[in-house]
């Protein structure tokens, strides 16, 4: 399974000091069926731990997810900053997830080439 992050999400990860290994772990959990919340339309929510802490009080990540194919990290927020997302943001996130999940290999390659998506290395 290929794992990507959007350009905006990459800024969030950098600002929060999160390692790509945390993203790979979250994607792997989803791949094993361990999904924190299925939000419909290929959009899932996964919890990611803060460094040195557990997942419960850490970060919430919204991912476009298709088992065995691709995971794209779209949006993240700290649990301490935001309890959840509102209905409008959820609808927008579902639309974005649907667009990325319906993209073919050529479109994904173009998005990577253009810097819209960044592939997350499984090597960490």
Protein backbone atom coordinates (compact mmCIF):
# COMPACT_ATOMS: atom_id res chain seq x y z
CA UNK A 1 0.00 0.00 0.00
CA UNK A 2 1.31 3.43 -0.94
CA UNK A 3 1.07 6.21 1.64
CA UNK A 4 0.98 9.92 0.81
CA UNK A 5 0.47 13.22 2.57
CA UNK A 6 -0.84 16.38 0.99
CA UNK A 7 1.41 19.41 0.83
CA UNK A 8 -0.69 21.19 3.50
CA UNK A 9 -0.68 18.11 5.73
CA UNK A 10 3.12 17.89 5.38
CA UNK A 11 3.36 21.42 6.81
CA UNK A 12 1.21 20.35 9.78
CA UNK A 13 3.43 17.29 10.39
CA UNK A 14 6.59 19.40 10.23
CA UNK A 15 5.15 22.06 12.57
CA UNK A 16 4.07 19.42 15.11
CA UNK A 17 7.34 17.48 14.87
CA UNK A 18 5.65 14.21 13.90
CA UNK A 19 7.74 11.48 12.30
CA UNK A 20 6.67 9.72 9.12
CA UNK A 21 6.91 6.46 11.08
CA UNK A 22 3.83 7.59 13.04
CA UNK A 23 1.93 8.03 9.78
CA UNK A 24 3.04 4.63 8.50
CA UNK A 25 1.89 3.05 11.78
CA UNK A 26 -1.54 4.69 11.45
CA UNK A 27 -1.84 3.55 7.81
CA UNK A 28 -0.77 0.01 8.76
CA UNK A 29 -3.37 -0.11 11.53
CA UNK A 30 -6.03 0.93 9.03
CA UNK A 31 -4.79 -1.72 6.61
CA UNK A 32 -5.35 -4.33 9.31
CA UNK A 33 -8.93 -3.09 9.80
CA UNK A 34 -8.12 -1.14 12.97
CA UNK A 35 -9.90 2.07 11.99
CA UNK A 36 -10.76 4.56 14.71
CA UNK A 37 -13.75 5.97 12.78
CA UNK A 38 -15.15 5.33 9.30
CA UNK A 39 -16.55 8.69 8.17
CA UNK A 40 -17.88 7.41 4.84
CA UNK A 41 -16.85 8.00 1.26
CA UNK A 42 -13.38 6.52 1.78
CA UNK A 43 -12.64 8.97 4.61
CA UNK A 44 -11.42 7.60 7.92
CA UNK A 45 -10.18 9.10 11.17
CA UNK A 46 -7.10 7.68 12.84
CA UNK A 47 -5.51 8.66 16.13
CA UNK A 48 -1.77 9.27 16.20
CA UNK A 49 0.20 9.55 19.43
CA UNK A 50 2.22 12.56 20.44
CA UNK A 51 5.90 11.70 20.79
CA UNK A 52 6.37 9.81 24.06
CA UNK A 53 2.62 9.70 24.79
CA UNK A 54 -0.39 7.59 23.86
CA UNK A 55 -2.88 8.04 21.03
CA UNK A 56 -5.81 9.01 23.26
CA UNK A 57 -4.74 12.62 23.85
CA UNK A 58 -2.66 12.98 20.70
CA UNK A 59 -3.62 13.89 17.16
CA UNK A 60 -6.62 13.15 14.99
CA UNK A 61 -5.91 12.54 11.32
CA UNK A 62 -8.35 12.42 8.43
CA UNK A 63 -7.24 10.04 5.70
CA UNK A 64 -8.47 9.03 2.28
CA UNK A 65 -8.18 5.25 2.55
CA UNK A 66 -8.58 2.33 0.18
CA UNK A 67 -7.44 -0.97 1.67
CA UNK A 68 -4.52 -2.55 -0.16
CA UNK A 69 -4.15 0.43 -2.49
CA UNK A 70 -3.44 3.86 -1.04
CA UNK A 71 -3.71 6.06 2.01
CA UNK A 72 -3.56 9.83 1.74
CA UNK A 73 -3.26 11.94 4.88
CA UNK A 74 -5.45 14.99 4.33
CA UNK A 75 -5.93 16.86 7.59
CA UNK A 76 -4.69 16.69 11.16
CA UNK A 77 -5.40 18.41 14.44
CA UNK A 78 -4.43 18.04 18.06
CA UNK A 79 -7.20 16.72 20.31
CA UNK A 80 -6.40 19.55 22.72
CA UNK A 81 -7.04 22.16 20.00
CA UNK A 82 -10.22 20.82 18.47
CA UNK A 83 -12.75 18.27 19.62
CA UNK A 84 -13.99 17.23 16.19
CA UNK A 85 -14.83 18.55 12.74
CA UNK A 86 -18.12 20.19 11.84
CA UNK A 87 -20.58 18.95 9.23
CA UNK A 88 -19.38 21.31 6.47
CA UNK A 89 -15.71 20.39 6.97
CA UNK A 90 -16.65 16.70 7.00
CA UNK A 91 -18.51 17.02 3.68
CA UNK A 92 -15.54 18.83 2.14
CA UNK A 93 -13.11 16.22 3.46
CA UNK A 94 -15.27 13.43 1.97
CA UNK A 95 -15.21 15.18 -1.41
CA UNK A 96 -11.43 15.59 -1.28
CA UNK A 97 -10.99 11.94 -0.22
CA UNK A 98 -13.22 10.80 -3.07
CA UNK A 99 -11.20 12.81 -5.60
CA UNK A 100 -7.88 11.35 -4.46
CA UNK A 101 -9.23 7.82 -4.28
CA UNK A 102 -10.72 8.03 -7.79
CA UNK A 103 -7.45 9.34 -9.26
CA UNK A 104 -5.63 6.86 -11.48
CA UNK A 105 -1.91 6.05 -11.24
CA UNK A 106 -1.02 8.68 -13.84
CA UNK A 107 -2.88 11.41 -11.92
CA UNK A 108 -1.21 10.38 -8.66
CA UNK A 109 2.22 10.43 -10.34
CA UNK A 110 1.48 13.91 -11.68
CA UNK A 111 0.38 15.13 -8.24
CA UNK A 112 3.64 13.82 -6.76
CA UNK A 113 5.64 15.43 -9.56
CA UNK A 114 3.82 18.74 -9.02
CA UNK A 115 4.39 18.60 -5.24
CA UNK A 116 0.69 18.29 -4.34
CA UNK A 117 1.31 14.88 -2.80
CA UNK A 118 4.40 13.63 -0.99
CA UNK A 119 4.98 9.92 -0.75
CA UNK A 120 5.74 8.75 2.78
CA UNK A 121 8.70 6.40 2.91
CA UNK A 122 8.09 3.06 4.60
CA UNK A 123 11.74 3.13 5.66
CA UNK A 124 10.86 5.93 8.09
